[in-house]
Amino acid sequence: MVTLQVQTVTFSNIAAVIFDKDGTLEDSTDFLRNLAQKRSRLIDAQIPGIGEPLLMAFGVQGDSLDPTGLMAVGSRRENEIAAAAYIAETGRGWLESLNIARRAFEDADYYLKSTPPSPLFVGGLDIIKSLSDAGVKVGILSAAPTAQVQRFVTHHQLEPYIQLQMGVDDGPTKPDPRLFFNACQALGVHPSVTLMVGDAQGDIDMALAAQSGGCVGVCWKPSNSQHLKGADVVIAQLDEIKILASSVRSPTSDP
């Protein structure tokens, strides 16, 4: 168990810290924007005129990606359904629309498959190592598919420090607290001794609903942190998470 200091807020008796991936540990804005653009172009090639509305739905405007938009915070399944809804508005049946969206997403994955995972944000590796060295269990819980989480961990050689690599494939997604309960169960800790660190409202709402040990919001532009309501504290750098003290024992219990 450790005591963590984050700005003026103290979190005591923390046995585990769960991080979001995209926008929290991984600086993935460019990749997500490129992925959204590729998906939109592929669908637009079949249904001319739908590309721009799709980009707006994904949260992409020009060279910017909305950190609260669908591409940034939604699961793959949620993005597919949104794309299919726009396709269905052109008069196609729902199942046909879903199939068009799914094939476009798969083709986009193929075109971008050689793109390496995005870089870690500054301070990410240091805090993960420090927490691990202090005996804290560290996990990643992302709305991205589990395979992407695993690829990210492997690429950055984080395996020695990460005990949980969880994404959203089937079942609940953020902000459903069941996802947090499942992550805590996999780590062997209770939510009340688990700290959530994320850059989206879904991360915060999920952790609050699960009665976690605390919620740290991450916003790289502090003036734009209105979307992190309910967080105990909002940081602009990961090195603002400080370990004050640690104990040898790290008791666990089931959620």
C-alpha atoms as a PDB file:
ATOM      1  CA  MET A   1       0.000   0.000   0.000  1.00  0.00           C
ATOM      2  CA  VAL A   2       1.198   3.512  -0.742  1.00  0.00           C
ATOM      3  CA  THR A   3       0.262   7.075  -0.018  1.00  0.00           C
ATOM      4  CA  LEU A   4       0.187   9.239  -3.130  1.00  0.00           C
ATOM      5  CA  GLN A   5       0.325  13.018  -3.304  1.00  0.00           C
ATOM      6  CA  VAL A   6      -1.176  14.643  -6.386  1.00  0.00           C
ATOM      7  CA  GLN A   7      -0.920  18.405  -6.133  1.00  0.00           C
ATOM      8  CA  THR A   8      -2.725  19.190  -2.872  1.00  0.00           C
ATOM      9  CA  VAL A   9      -4.707  15.932  -2.734  1.00  0.00           C
ATOM     10  CA  THR A  10      -3.512  12.900  -0.762  1.00  0.00           C
ATOM     11  CA  PHE A  11      -4.607   9.347  -1.571  1.00  0.00           C
ATOM     12  CA  SER A  12      -3.893   6.903   1.259  1.00  0.00           C
ATOM     13  CA  ASN A  13      -3.801   3.107   1.293  1.00  0.00           C
ATOM     14  CA  ILE A  14      -3.563   2.666  -2.466  1.00  0.00           C
ATOM     15  CA  ALA A  15      -2.780  -0.878  -3.617  1.00  0.00           C
ATOM     16  CA  ALA A  16      -3.267  -0.420  -7.354  1.00  0.00           C
ATOM     17  CA  VAL A  17      -3.295   2.294  -9.993  1.00  0.00           C
ATOM     18  CA  ILE A  18      -5.190   1.804 -13.251  1.00  0.00           C
ATOM     19  CA  PHE A  19      -4.309   4.035 -16.202  1.00  0.00           C
ATOM     20  CA  ASP A  20      -6.254   4.755 -19.336  1.00  0.00           C
ATOM     21  CA  LYS A  21      -4.117   4.384 -22.477  1.00  0.00           C
ATOM     22  CA  ASP A  22      -5.037   6.811 -25.268  1.00  0.00           C
ATOM     23  CA  GLY A  23      -4.536  10.397 -24.186  1.00  0.00           C
ATOM     24  CA  THR A  24      -3.259   9.394 -20.747  1.00  0.00           C
ATOM     25  CA  LEU A  25      -0.173   7.213 -21.205  1.00  0.00           C
ATOM     26  CA  GLU A  26      -0.032   7.227 -24.996  1.00  0.00           C
ATOM     27  CA  ASP A  27       0.195  10.396 -27.083  1.00  0.00           C
ATOM     28  CA  SER A  28      -2.063   8.910 -29.736  1.00  0.00           C
ATOM     29  CA  THR A  29      -3.806  12.021 -31.096  1.00  0.00           C
ATOM     30  CA  ASP A  30      -2.098  11.891 -34.498  1.00  0.00           C
ATOM     31  CA  PHE A  31      -2.745   8.177 -34.946  1.00  0.00           C
ATOM     32  CA  LEU A  32      -6.414   8.423 -33.963  1.00  0.00           C
ATOM     33  CA  ARG A  33      -6.936  11.356 -36.310  1.00  0.00           C
ATOM     34  CA  ASN A  34      -5.257   9.483 -39.176  1.00  0.00           C
ATOM     35  CA  LEU A  35      -7.328   6.391 -38.427  1.00  0.00           C
ATOM     36  CA  ALA A  36     -10.559   8.401 -38.440  1.00  0.00           C
ATOM     37  CA  GLN A  37      -9.600  10.019 -41.750  1.00  0.00           C
ATOM     38  CA  LYS A  38      -8.780   6.667 -43.340  1.00  0.00           C
ATOM     39  CA  ARG A  39     -12.061   5.132 -42.181  1.00  0.00           C
ATOM     40  CA  SER A  40     -14.015   8.119 -43.499  1.00  0.00           C
ATOM     41  CA  ARG A  41     -12.269   8.074 -46.883  1.00  0.00           C
ATOM     42  CA  LEU A  42     -12.905   4.365 -47.344  1.00  0.00           C
ATOM     43  CA  ILE A  43     -16.601   4.783 -46.602  1.00  0.00           C
ATOM     44  CA  ASP A  44     -16.806   7.927 -48.731  1.00  0.00           C
ATOM     45  CA  ALA A  45     -15.350   5.989 -51.666  1.00  0.00           C
ATOM     46  CA  GLN A  46     -18.460   3.790 -51.556  1.00  0.00           C
ATOM     47  CA  ILE A  47     -20.938   6.476 -50.519  1.00  0.00           C
ATOM     48  CA  PRO A  48     -19.742   9.854 -51.879  1.00  0.00           C
ATOM     49  CA  GLY A  49     -20.440  12.832 -49.645  1.00  0.00           C
ATOM     50  CA  ILE A  50     -20.517  10.961 -46.346  1.00  0.00           C
ATOM     51  CA  GLY A  51     -16.841  11.461 -45.492  1.00  0.00           C
ATOM     52  CA  GLU A  52     -17.004  14.945 -43.967  1.00  0.00           C
ATOM     53  CA  PRO A  53     -20.067  14.285 -41.782  1.00  0.00           C
ATOM     54  CA  LEU A  54     -18.381  11.098 -40.562  1.00  0.00           C
ATOM     55  CA  LEU A  55     -15.239  12.999 -39.596  1.00  0.00           C
ATOM     56  CA  MET A  56     -17.327  15.422 -37.567  1.00  0.00           C
ATOM     57  CA  ALA A  57     -19.064  12.498 -35.872  1.00  0.00           C
ATOM     58  CA  PHE A  58     -15.668  11.024 -35.012  1.00  0.00           C
ATOM     59  CA  GLY A  59     -14.587  14.340 -33.498  1.00  0.00           C
ATOM     60  CA  VAL A  60     -12.094  15.335 -36.197  1.00  0.00           C
ATOM     61  CA  GLN A  61     -12.037  18.876 -37.553  1.00  0.00           C
ATOM     62  CA  GLY A  62      -9.125  19.683 -39.828  1.00  0.00           C
ATOM     63  CA  ASP A  63      -5.930  18.740 -37.995  1.00  0.00           C
ATOM     64  CA  SER A  64      -7.542  18.639 -34.565  1.00  0.00           C
ATOM     65  CA  LEU A  65      -9.046  15.765 -32.592  1.00  0.00           C
ATOM     66  CA  ASP A  66     -11.677  16.541 -29.987  1.00  0.00           C
ATOM     67  CA  PRO A  67     -10.477  14.923 -26.711  1.00  0.00           C
ATOM     68  CA  THR A  68     -14.127  14.441 -25.747  1.00  0.00           C
ATOM     69  CA  GLY A  69     -15.178  13.133 -29.161  1.00  0.00           C
ATOM     70  CA  LEU A  70     -16.147   9.651 -30.257  1.00  0.00           C
ATOM     71  CA  MET A  71     -12.772   8.717 -31.716  1.00  0.00           C
ATOM     72  CA  ALA A  72     -10.919   9.772 -28.573  1.00  0.00           C
ATOM     73  CA  VAL A  73     -13.123   8.141 -25.953  1.00  0.00           C
ATOM     74  CA  GLY A  74     -15.391   5.613 -27.674  1.00  0.00           C
ATOM     75  CA  SER A  75     -14.776   1.923 -28.155  1.00  0.00           C
ATOM     76  CA  ARG A  76     -14.299   0.454 -31.619  1.00  0.00           C
ATOM     77  CA  ARG A  77     -17.813  -0.967 -31.483  1.00  0.00           C
ATOM     78  CA  GLU A  78     -19.272   2.437 -30.626  1.00  0.00           C
ATOM     79  CA  ASN A  79     -17.400   4.010 -33.543  1.00  0.00           C
ATOM     80  CA  GLU A  80     -18.677   1.293 -35.895  1.00  0.00           C
ATOM     81  CA  ILE A  81     -22.264   1.843 -34.798  1.00  0.00           C
ATOM     82  CA  ALA A  82     -21.949   5.613 -35.247  1.00  0.00           C
ATOM     83  CA  ALA A  83     -20.527   5.146 -38.746  1.00  0.00           C
ATOM     84  CA  ALA A  84     -23.264   2.663 -39.605  1.00  0.00           C
ATOM     85  CA  ALA A  85     -25.916   5.141 -38.449  1.00  0.00           C
ATOM     86  CA  TYR A  86     -24.629   7.734 -40.918  1.00  0.00           C
ATOM     87  CA  ILE A  87     -24.553   5.118 -43.673  1.00  0.00           C
ATOM     88  CA  ALA A  88     -28.107   4.053 -42.858  1.00  0.00           C
ATOM     89  CA  GLU A  89     -29.266   7.652 -43.336  1.00  0.00           C
ATOM     90  CA  THR A  90     -28.473   7.232 -47.046  1.00  0.00           C
ATOM     91  CA  GLY A  91     -31.300   4.705 -47.322  1.00  0.00           C
ATOM     92  CA  ARG A  92     -29.399   1.465 -46.798  1.00  0.00           C
ATOM     93  CA  GLY A  93     -30.610  -1.247 -44.454  1.00  0.00           C
ATOM     94  CA  TRP A  94     -29.131  -1.491 -40.973  1.00  0.00           C
ATOM     95  CA  LEU A  95     -27.301  -4.794 -41.449  1.00  0.00           C
ATOM     96  CA  GLU A  96     -25.865  -3.619 -44.763  1.00  0.00           C
ATOM     97  CA  SER A  97     -24.771  -0.382 -43.100  1.00  0.00           C
ATOM     98  CA  LEU A  98     -23.053  -2.271 -40.297  1.00  0.00           C
ATOM     99  CA  ASN A  99     -21.238  -4.486 -42.782  1.00  0.00           C
ATOM    100  CA  ILE A 100     -20.019  -1.502 -44.808  1.00  0.00           C
ATOM    101  CA  ALA A 101     -18.719   0.190 -41.647  1.00  0.00           C
ATOM    102  CA  ARG A 102     -17.076  -2.990 -40.372  1.00  0.00           C
ATOM    103  CA  ARG A 103     -15.302  -3.692 -43.660  1.00  0.00           C
ATOM    104  CA  ALA A 104     -14.075  -0.110 -43.879  1.00  0.00           C
ATOM    105  CA  PHE A 105     -12.701  -0.306 -40.338  1.00  0.00           C
ATOM    106  CA  GLU A 106     -10.937  -3.582 -41.132  1.00  0.00           C
ATOM    107  CA  ASP A 107      -9.456  -2.115 -44.317  1.00  0.00           C
ATOM    108  CA  ALA A 108      -8.265   0.950 -42.404  1.00  0.00           C
ATOM    109  CA  ASP A 109      -6.552  -1.345 -39.899  1.00  0.00           C
ATOM    110  CA  TYR A 110      -4.816  -3.111 -42.780  1.00  0.00           C
ATOM    111  CA  TYR A 111      -3.534   0.123 -44.324  1.00  0.00           C
ATOM    112  CA  LEU A 112      -2.209   1.363 -40.974  1.00  0.00           C
ATOM    113  CA  LYS A 113      -0.997  -1.965 -39.610  1.00  0.00           C
ATOM    114  CA  SER A 114       2.685  -1.038 -39.963  1.00  0.00           C
ATOM    115  CA  THR A 115       2.227   2.153 -37.933  1.00  0.00           C
ATOM    116  CA  PRO A 116       3.995   1.674 -34.585  1.00  0.00           C
ATOM    117  CA  PRO A 117       2.252   2.532 -31.317  1.00  0.00           C
ATOM    118  CA  SER A 118       2.367   6.212 -30.446  1.00  0.00           C
ATOM    119  CA  PRO A 119       4.956   7.511 -27.950  1.00  0.00           C
ATOM    120  CA  LEU A 120       4.494   7.601 -24.222  1.00  0.00           C
ATOM    121  CA  PHE A 121       3.731  10.959 -22.694  1.00  0.00           C
ATOM    122  CA  VAL A 122       6.619  12.479 -20.756  1.00  0.00           C
ATOM    123  CA  GLY A 123       6.685  11.079 -17.233  1.00  0.00           C
ATOM    124  CA  GLY A 124       4.647   8.001 -18.086  1.00  0.00           C
ATOM    125  CA  LEU A 125       7.436   5.453 -17.896  1.00  0.00           C
ATOM    126  CA  ASP A 126       8.888   6.995 -14.732  1.00  0.00           C
ATOM    127  CA  ILE A 127       5.640   6.901 -12.765  1.00  0.00           C
ATOM    128  CA  ILE A 128       4.844   3.357 -13.901  1.00  0.00           C
ATOM    129  CA  LYS A 129       8.289   2.177 -12.787  1.00  0.00           C
ATOM    130  CA  SER A 130       8.082   4.055  -9.494  1.00  0.00           C
ATOM    131  CA  LEU A 131       4.699   2.597  -8.641  1.00  0.00           C
ATOM    132  CA  SER A 132       5.841  -0.913  -9.536  1.00  0.00           C
ATOM    133  CA  ASP A 133       9.013  -0.537  -7.460  1.00  0.00           C
ATOM    134  CA  ALA A 134       6.872   0.550  -4.510  1.00  0.00           C
ATOM    135  CA  GLY A 135       4.836  -2.648  -4.743  1.00  0.00           C
ATOM    136  CA  VAL A 136       1.768  -1.088  -6.326  1.00  0.00           C
ATOM    137  CA  LYS A 137      -0.113  -3.141  -8.896  1.00  0.00           C
ATOM    138  CA  VAL A 138      -0.306  -1.237 -12.180  1.00  0.00           C
ATOM    139  CA  GLY A 139      -2.890  -1.814 -14.873  1.00  0.00           C
ATOM    140  CA  ILE A 140      -4.041  -0.347 -18.164  1.00  0.00           C
ATOM    141  CA  LEU A 141      -7.764  -0.194 -18.855  1.00  0.00           C
ATOM    142  CA  SER A 142      -8.603   1.208 -22.276  1.00  0.00           C
ATOM    143  CA  ALA A 143     -11.619   1.555 -24.557  1.00  0.00           C
ATOM    144  CA  ALA A 144      -9.327   0.366 -27.359  1.00  0.00           C
ATOM    145  CA  PRO A 145      -9.282  -3.356 -28.246  1.00  0.00           C
ATOM    146  CA  THR A 146      -7.214  -5.535 -25.924  1.00  0.00           C
ATOM    147  CA  ALA A 147      -4.834  -6.416 -28.764  1.00  0.00           C
ATOM    148  CA  GLN A 148      -3.924  -2.738 -29.127  1.00  0.00           C
ATOM    149  CA  VAL A 149      -3.266  -2.446 -25.405  1.00  0.00           C
ATOM    150  CA  GLN A 150      -0.999  -5.500 -25.522  1.00  0.00           C
ATOM    151  CA  ARG A 151       0.846  -4.148 -28.569  1.00  0.00           C
ATOM    152  CA  PHE A 152       1.383  -0.832 -26.789  1.00  0.00           C
ATOM    153  CA  VAL A 153       2.774  -2.557 -23.684  1.00  0.00           C
ATOM    154  CA  THR A 154       5.076  -4.798 -25.730  1.00  0.00           C
ATOM    155  CA  HIS A 155       6.324  -1.973 -27.962  1.00  0.00           C
ATOM    156  CA  HIS A 156       7.317   0.159 -24.970  1.00  0.00           C
ATOM    157  CA  GLN A 157       8.662  -2.835 -23.013  1.00  0.00           C
ATOM    158  CA  LEU A 158       6.315  -2.262 -20.082  1.00  0.00           C
ATOM    159  CA  GLU A 159       5.681  -5.947 -19.302  1.00  0.00           C
ATOM    160  CA  PRO A 160       7.808  -5.974 -16.115  1.00  0.00           C
ATOM    161  CA  TYR A 161       5.695  -3.192 -14.597  1.00  0.00           C
ATOM    162  CA  ILE A 162       2.155  -3.840 -15.875  1.00  0.00           C
ATOM    163  CA  GLN A 163      -0.020  -6.529 -14.289  1.00  0.00           C
ATOM    164  CA  LEU A 164      -3.171  -5.800 -16.301  1.00  0.00           C
ATOM    165  CA  GLN A 165      -3.557  -5.170 -20.037  1.00  0.00           C
ATOM    166  CA  MET A 166      -7.290  -4.790 -20.604  1.00  0.00           C
ATOM    167  CA  GLY A 167      -9.236  -3.299 -23.471  1.00  0.00           C
ATOM    168  CA  VAL A 168     -12.821  -3.418 -24.670  1.00  0.00           C
ATOM    169  CA  ASP A 169     -13.674  -6.247 -27.048  1.00  0.00           C
ATOM    170  CA  ASP A 170     -17.120  -7.525 -26.104  1.00  0.00           C
ATOM    171  CA  GLY A 171     -19.205  -6.687 -23.081  1.00  0.00           C
ATOM    172  CA  PRO A 172     -19.267  -3.433 -21.121  1.00  0.00           C
ATOM    173  CA  THR A 173     -17.302  -0.338 -22.043  1.00  0.00           C
ATOM    174  CA  LYS A 174     -16.583   2.912 -20.252  1.00  0.00           C
ATOM    175  CA  PRO A 175     -18.221   4.374 -18.202  1.00  0.00           C
ATOM    176  CA  ASP A 176     -19.884   1.106 -17.118  1.00  0.00           C
ATOM    177  CA  PRO A 177     -18.484   0.366 -13.619  1.00  0.00           C
ATOM    178  CA  ARG A 178     -18.508  -3.362 -14.383  1.00  0.00           C
ATOM    179  CA  LEU A 179     -15.416  -2.754 -16.489  1.00  0.00           C
ATOM    180  CA  PHE A 180     -13.611  -1.295 -13.479  1.00  0.00           C
ATOM    181  CA  PHE A 181     -14.832  -4.129 -11.244  1.00  0.00           C
ATOM    182  CA  ASN A 182     -13.500  -6.658 -13.765  1.00  0.00           C
ATOM    183  CA  ALA A 183     -10.135  -4.900 -13.879  1.00  0.00           C
ATOM    184  CA  CYS A 184      -9.853  -4.828 -10.097  1.00  0.00           C
ATOM    185  CA  GLN A 185     -10.811  -8.483  -9.872  1.00  0.00           C
ATOM    186  CA  ALA A 186      -8.114  -9.360 -12.406  1.00  0.00           C
ATOM    187  CA  LEU A 187      -5.569  -7.442 -10.331  1.00  0.00           C
ATOM    188  CA  GLY A 188      -6.806  -8.995  -7.083  1.00  0.00           C
ATOM    189  CA  VAL A 189      -7.603  -5.668  -5.428  1.00  0.00           C
ATOM    190  CA  HIS A 190     -10.704  -3.920  -4.158  1.00  0.00           C
ATOM    191  CA  PRO A 191     -11.927  -0.786  -5.996  1.00  0.00           C
ATOM    192  CA  SER A 192     -11.677   1.199  -2.752  1.00  0.00           C
ATOM    193  CA  VAL A 193      -7.876   0.841  -2.773  1.00  0.00           C
ATOM    194  CA  THR A 194      -7.523   1.441  -6.512  1.00  0.00           C
ATOM    195  CA  LEU A 195      -6.776   4.806  -8.109  1.00  0.00           C
ATOM    196  CA  MET A 196      -8.014   5.607 -11.628  1.00  0.00           C
ATOM    197  CA  VAL A 197      -5.988   7.912 -13.880  1.00  0.00           C
ATOM    198  CA  GLY A 198      -7.603   8.989 -17.146  1.00  0.00           C
ATOM    199  CA  ASP A 199      -8.183  11.845 -19.550  1.00  0.00           C
ATOM    200  CA  ALA A 200     -11.894  11.332 -20.301  1.00  0.00           C
ATOM    201  CA  GLN A 201     -15.131  11.845 -18.434  1.00  0.00           C
ATOM    202  CA  GLY A 202     -15.885   8.172 -18.994  1.00  0.00           C
ATOM    203  CA  ASP A 203     -12.827   7.230 -16.929  1.00  0.00           C
ATOM    204  CA  ILE A 204     -13.961   9.447 -14.075  1.00  0.00           C
ATOM    205  CA  ASP A 205     -17.623   8.406 -14.171  1.00  0.00           C
ATOM    206  CA  MET A 206     -16.653   4.730 -14.287  1.00  0.00           C
ATOM    207  CA  ALA A 207     -14.359   5.012 -11.270  1.00  0.00           C
ATOM    208  CA  LEU A 208     -16.868   7.076  -9.278  1.00  0.00           C
ATOM    209  CA  ALA A 209     -19.642   4.562  -9.936  1.00  0.00           C
ATOM    210  CA  ALA A 210     -17.329   1.762  -8.794  1.00  0.00           C
ATOM    211  CA  GLN A 211     -16.430   3.713  -5.633  1.00  0.00           C
ATOM    212  CA  SER A 212     -12.745   3.665  -6.424  1.00  0.00           C
ATOM    213  CA  GLY A 213     -10.048   4.946  -4.098  1.00  0.00           C
ATOM    214  CA  GLY A 214      -9.795   8.124  -6.147  1.00  0.00           C
ATOM    215  CA  CYS A 215      -9.881   9.666  -9.617  1.00  0.00           C
ATOM    216  CA  VAL A 216      -7.074  11.653 -11.208  1.00  0.00           C
ATOM    217  CA  GLY A 217      -7.976  13.485 -14.384  1.00  0.00           C
ATOM    218  CA  VAL A 218      -5.325  14.156 -17.005  1.00  0.00           C
ATOM    219  CA  CYS A 219      -5.635  17.240 -19.199  1.00  0.00           C
ATOM    220  CA  TRP A 220      -2.623  18.361 -21.215  1.00  0.00           C
ATOM    221  CA  LYS A 221      -4.241  21.778 -21.664  1.00  0.00           C
ATOM    222  CA  PRO A 222      -5.398  22.692 -18.132  1.00  0.00           C
ATOM    223  CA  SER A 223      -7.718  25.441 -19.385  1.00  0.00           C
ATOM    224  CA  ASN A 224      -9.791  22.772 -21.165  1.00  0.00           C
ATOM    225  CA  SER A 225     -10.442  20.483 -18.199  1.00  0.00           C
ATOM    226  CA  GLN A 226     -14.189  21.122 -17.911  1.00  0.00           C
ATOM    227  CA  HIS A 227     -14.865  17.616 -19.271  1.00  0.00           C
ATOM    228  CA  LEU A 228     -13.320  16.000 -16.184  1.00  0.00           C
ATOM    229  CA  LYS A 229     -16.069  16.753 -13.696  1.00  0.00           C
ATOM    230  CA  GLY A 230     -15.913  14.696 -10.535  1.00  0.00           C
ATOM    231  CA  ALA A 231     -12.164  14.067 -10.610  1.00  0.00           C
ATOM    232  CA  ASP A 232     -10.479  14.556  -7.251  1.00  0.00           C
ATOM    233  CA  VAL A 233      -7.701  16.435  -8.998  1.00  0.00           C
ATOM    234  CA  VAL A 234      -6.721  17.293 -12.577  1.00  0.00           C
ATOM    235  CA  ILE A 235      -3.068  17.243 -13.658  1.00  0.00           C
ATOM    236  CA  ALA A 236      -1.217  18.440 -16.742  1.00  0.00           C
ATOM    237  CA  GLN A 237       1.863  16.250 -16.241  1.00  0.00           C
ATOM    238  CA  LEU A 238       2.118  12.649 -15.071  1.00  0.00           C
ATOM    239  CA  ASP A 239       5.057  13.506 -12.829  1.00  0.00           C
ATOM    240  CA  GLU A 240       2.592  15.360 -10.596  1.00  0.00           C
ATOM    241  CA  ILE A 241       1.757  11.933  -9.144  1.00  0.00           C
ATOM    242  CA  LYS A 242       4.168  11.536  -6.219  1.00  0.00           C
ATOM    243  CA  ILE A 243       4.749   8.591  -3.882  1.00  0.00           C
ATOM    244  CA  LEU A 244       4.907   9.872  -0.304  1.00  0.00           C
ATOM    245  CA  ALA A 245       5.194   6.591   1.576  1.00  0.00           C
ATOM    246  CA  SER A 246       4.821   2.858   1.052  1.00  0.00           C
ATOM    247  CA  SER A 247       4.381  -0.211   3.237  1.00  0.00           C
ATOM    248  CA  VAL A 248       5.527  -3.770   2.682  1.00  0.00           C
ATOM    249  CA  ARG A 249       2.067  -5.335   2.750  1.00  0.00           C
ATOM    250  CA  SER A 250      -0.424  -4.833  -0.063  1.00  0.00           C
ATOM    251  CA  PRO A 251      -3.625  -6.512   1.155  1.00  0.00           C
ATOM    252  CA  THR A 252      -6.171  -7.378  -1.490  1.00  0.00           C
ATOM    253  CA  SER A 253      -9.805  -8.308  -1.470  1.00  0.00           C
ATOM    254  CA  ASP A 254     -12.484  -9.084  -4.011  1.00  0.00           C
ATOM    255  CA  PRO A 255     -14.694  -6.272  -5.314  1.00  0.00           C
END
